[in-house]
Amino acid sequence: MPIGFTPEEVSLITDETFFLSKARIMGKVRASLDAIYAGLQEELAGVTLLAPPGFDGKKCQFVKGEHLEDYPYQYLDFPKHFDGDDKFTFRSLFWWGHHFAFALILEGEGLTRYKHNLIDRYGKVADRHLSLCLGPSLWEWKQGNGYTLPMTRDRRPEVAAVLSSRRFFKLARFVRLDDPVVREGGLAAVGRETVQAVLPVITP
């Protein structure tokens, strides 16, 4: 059977400028992640974290790929700790066509204490643009109804109920790609604000 291409597909594959634009954009994304990394290093300098055994606060990782549900992505993990079932990581993620996400990822060692800290210190975490992610996996990055629970001050009982049965959890702040902060180069500041917002969960 012959395999044809629609007029829209032909328009895309004959567009010589698209991939040049994509390469330029992805270069700016990487530069944004570099700026976020520098800001997070400053923000966390001298901060005592309730980290699991073997944690190295200097570890980081930059990753670039093409297939997060068929869309290109880049992310920075810093701090970064993945050791078996133990996960203690702050991820700054760009997802083409979707959003930027800044997320605290927690599983394994210390999870019970992190849960208690979140609920006991809820007033310090609430109303700071954070959501509790509800997906069955830490690697679900969608936002909205059924995927995220906004952590507003009035939702403390609901957050506590959801959190009680989870064997991991992720707190995330999402930034729309058309948000002025993206156009104006303010993502590093958002990264710092987000890590400030989650520190009550992971500090003594």
Protein backbone atom coordinates (compact mmCIF):
# COMPACT_ATOMS: atom_id res chain seq x y z
CA MET A 1 0.00 0.00 0.00
CA PRO A 2 1.36 3.46 -0.88
CA ILE A 3 1.91 5.79 2.04
CA GLY A 4 0.83 9.32 1.25
CA PHE A 5 1.30 12.60 3.10
CA THR A 6 -1.42 15.12 3.87
CA PRO A 7 -1.03 18.73 2.65
CA GLU A 8 -0.37 19.77 6.27
CA GLU A 9 2.38 17.16 6.59
CA VAL A 10 3.95 18.22 3.30
CA SER A 11 3.91 21.83 4.51
CA LEU A 12 5.78 20.80 7.65
CA ILE A 13 8.40 18.60 6.00
CA THR A 14 9.19 21.27 3.39
CA ASP A 15 9.57 24.00 6.02
CA GLU A 16 13.31 24.61 6.21
CA THR A 17 12.99 27.04 9.10
CA PHE A 18 11.16 24.90 11.66
CA PHE A 19 14.10 22.86 12.91
CA LEU A 20 16.38 25.89 12.92
CA SER A 21 13.83 27.62 15.14
CA LYS A 22 13.50 24.51 17.30
CA ALA A 23 17.27 24.30 17.77
CA ARG A 24 17.39 27.97 18.78
CA ILE A 25 14.52 27.51 21.24
CA MET A 26 16.08 24.41 22.80
CA GLY A 27 19.33 26.33 23.19
CA LYS A 28 17.44 29.00 25.13
CA VAL A 29 15.80 26.31 27.25
CA ARG A 30 19.22 24.93 28.17
CA ALA A 31 20.45 28.43 29.01
CA SER A 32 17.36 28.86 31.21
CA LEU A 33 18.13 25.60 33.00
CA ASP A 34 21.72 26.75 33.53
CA ALA A 35 20.40 29.95 35.12
CA ILE A 36 17.97 27.94 37.27
CA TYR A 37 20.85 25.70 38.38
CA ALA A 38 22.95 28.70 39.43
CA GLY A 39 20.00 30.17 41.34
CA LEU A 40 19.24 26.91 43.14
CA GLN A 41 22.87 26.52 44.16
CA GLU A 42 22.74 29.94 45.79
CA GLU A 43 19.38 29.27 47.40
CA LEU A 44 20.44 25.96 48.94
CA ALA A 45 23.94 26.95 50.03
CA GLY A 46 24.25 26.27 53.75
CA VAL A 47 20.73 24.82 54.06
CA THR A 48 20.43 21.61 56.11
CA LEU A 49 18.19 19.13 54.32
CA LEU A 50 16.47 16.03 55.71
CA ALA A 51 18.05 13.95 52.97
CA PRO A 52 18.40 10.15 52.83
CA PRO A 53 21.67 8.31 53.50
CA GLY A 54 24.21 8.68 50.72
CA PHE A 55 22.83 12.03 49.57
CA ASP A 56 25.36 14.26 47.81
CA GLY A 57 24.12 17.84 47.62
CA LYS A 58 26.45 18.65 44.71
CA LYS A 59 25.02 16.09 42.31
CA CYS A 60 23.01 17.33 39.35
CA GLN A 61 21.88 16.09 35.96
CA PHE A 62 20.84 17.77 32.71
CA VAL A 63 18.74 15.64 30.35
CA LYS A 64 17.40 16.34 26.85
CA GLY A 65 15.05 14.12 24.88
CA GLU A 66 12.39 13.99 22.19
CA HIS A 67 9.73 11.66 23.50
CA LEU A 68 7.92 12.70 26.63
CA GLU A 69 4.59 11.51 25.28
CA ASP A 70 5.95 12.37 21.80
CA TYR A 71 7.03 15.90 22.73
CA PRO A 72 10.59 17.23 23.17
CA TYR A 73 11.75 18.00 26.69
CA GLN A 74 14.68 19.08 28.79
CA TYR A 75 15.16 18.97 32.52
CA LEU A 76 17.56 19.66 35.34
CA ASP A 77 17.68 17.52 38.48
CA PHE A 78 19.27 19.44 41.36
CA PRO A 79 19.56 18.37 44.08
CA LYS A 80 19.56 14.86 42.65
CA HIS A 81 19.33 11.61 44.59
CA PHE A 82 18.08 8.37 43.06
CA ASP A 83 19.16 5.24 44.90
CA GLY A 84 16.87 2.23 44.56
CA ASP A 85 13.56 3.15 46.15
CA ASP A 86 14.97 6.38 47.58
CA LYS A 87 14.21 9.52 45.60
CA PHE A 88 14.98 13.01 46.85
CA THR A 89 15.14 15.35 43.89
CA PHE A 90 14.11 18.78 42.69
CA ARG A 91 13.34 18.71 38.96
CA SER A 92 13.03 21.73 36.66
CA LEU A 93 11.34 20.50 33.49
CA PHE A 94 10.54 22.05 30.10
CA TRP A 95 7.90 20.10 28.14
CA TRP A 96 7.32 21.34 24.60
CA GLY A 97 3.70 22.27 23.98
CA HIS A 98 2.79 21.94 27.66
CA HIS A 99 4.60 23.91 30.39
CA PHE A 100 7.60 24.39 32.61
CA ALA A 101 7.34 22.44 35.86
CA PHE A 102 9.34 22.75 39.06
CA ALA A 103 8.84 19.69 41.26
CA LEU A 104 10.02 18.18 44.52
CA ILE A 105 10.11 14.39 44.10
CA LEU A 106 10.12 12.23 47.26
CA GLU A 107 10.02 8.49 47.84
CA GLY A 108 11.53 5.98 50.25
CA GLU A 109 13.69 7.00 53.20
CA GLY A 110 12.12 9.76 55.26
CA LEU A 111 8.77 9.77 53.46
CA THR A 112 6.76 9.60 56.70
CA ARG A 113 8.60 12.60 58.11
CA TYR A 114 8.15 14.56 54.87
CA LYS A 115 4.41 13.89 55.01
CA HIS A 116 4.22 15.04 58.63
CA ASN A 117 6.21 18.16 57.83
CA LEU A 118 3.93 19.03 54.94
CA ILE A 119 0.79 18.76 57.05
CA ASP A 120 2.25 20.24 60.25
CA ARG A 121 3.72 23.20 58.32
CA TYR A 122 0.96 23.46 55.77
CA GLY A 123 0.47 27.16 56.43
CA LYS A 124 4.02 27.82 55.20
CA VAL A 125 3.52 25.81 51.99
CA ALA A 126 -0.07 26.67 51.04
CA ASP A 127 -1.02 29.46 48.63
CA ARG A 128 2.44 29.46 47.01
CA HIS A 129 1.40 28.18 43.54
CA LEU A 130 2.10 24.55 44.48
CA SER A 131 0.04 21.48 43.65
CA LEU A 132 0.11 17.94 44.98
CA CYS A 133 0.45 15.65 41.96
CA LEU A 134 -2.12 12.84 41.93
CA GLY A 135 -0.82 10.55 39.18
CA PRO A 136 0.00 6.89 39.81
CA SER A 137 3.63 7.56 38.89
CA LEU A 138 6.21 10.18 39.80
CA TRP A 139 6.85 10.56 36.07
CA GLU A 140 3.37 11.85 35.19
CA TRP A 141 3.70 15.52 34.23
CA LYS A 142 0.17 16.51 33.25
CA GLN A 143 -1.63 19.26 35.11
CA GLY A 144 -5.28 19.92 35.84
CA ASN A 145 -8.37 18.09 36.99
CA GLY A 146 -7.54 14.54 38.03
CA TYR A 147 -3.80 15.15 37.80
CA THR A 148 -3.08 17.86 40.37
CA LEU A 149 -4.59 19.20 43.59
CA PRO A 150 -3.87 22.91 44.16
CA MET A 151 -2.47 23.43 47.63
CA THR A 152 -4.57 26.33 48.83
CA ARG A 153 -4.96 27.09 52.52
CA ASP A 154 -8.52 25.70 52.68
CA ARG A 155 -7.48 22.30 51.26
CA ARG A 156 -5.35 21.07 54.15
CA PRO A 157 -7.77 18.24 55.13
CA GLU A 158 -8.06 17.11 51.51
CA VAL A 159 -4.30 17.16 50.99
CA ALA A 160 -3.79 15.20 54.24
CA ALA A 161 -6.33 12.57 53.15
CA VAL A 162 -4.74 12.12 49.73
CA LEU A 163 -1.22 12.05 51.15
CA SER A 164 -1.94 9.43 53.81
CA SER A 165 -2.13 6.49 51.41
CA ARG A 166 0.63 7.45 48.98
CA ARG A 167 3.99 5.64 48.94
CA PHE A 168 5.62 8.64 47.22
CA PHE A 169 4.64 12.20 46.50
CA LYS A 170 5.47 15.12 44.27
CA LEU A 171 4.83 18.82 44.85
CA ALA A 172 4.96 20.91 41.69
CA ARG A 173 4.56 24.40 40.36
CA PHE A 174 3.53 24.71 36.72
CA VAL A 175 4.24 27.70 34.49
CA ARG A 176 2.35 28.10 31.20
CA LEU A 177 4.57 28.58 28.17
CA ASP A 178 2.71 31.80 27.33
CA ASP A 179 3.19 33.18 30.84
CA PRO A 180 4.96 36.58 30.79
CA VAL A 181 7.64 35.17 33.09
CA VAL A 182 8.77 32.92 30.22
CA ARG A 183 9.00 35.80 27.73
CA GLU A 184 10.76 38.03 30.26
CA GLY A 185 13.39 35.53 31.35
CA GLY A 186 12.15 35.08 34.90
CA LEU A 187 12.27 31.29 35.18
CA ALA A 188 15.34 31.25 37.44
CA ALA A 189 13.45 33.40 39.94
CA VAL A 190 10.47 31.03 39.78
CA GLY A 191 12.79 28.10 40.45
CA ARG A 192 14.15 29.82 43.53
CA GLU A 193 10.65 30.74 44.75
CA THR A 194 9.53 27.14 44.31
CA VAL A 195 12.41 25.61 46.22
CA GLN A 196 11.82 28.18 48.99
CA ALA A 197 8.17 27.08 49.08
CA VAL A 198 8.99 23.37 49.52
CA LEU A 199 11.84 23.74 52.04
CA PRO A 200 9.50 23.41 55.06
CA VAL A 201 8.85 19.83 53.89
CA ILE A 202 12.49 18.77 53.71
CA THR A 203 14.22 20.73 56.47
CA PRO A 204 14.42 20.03 60.23
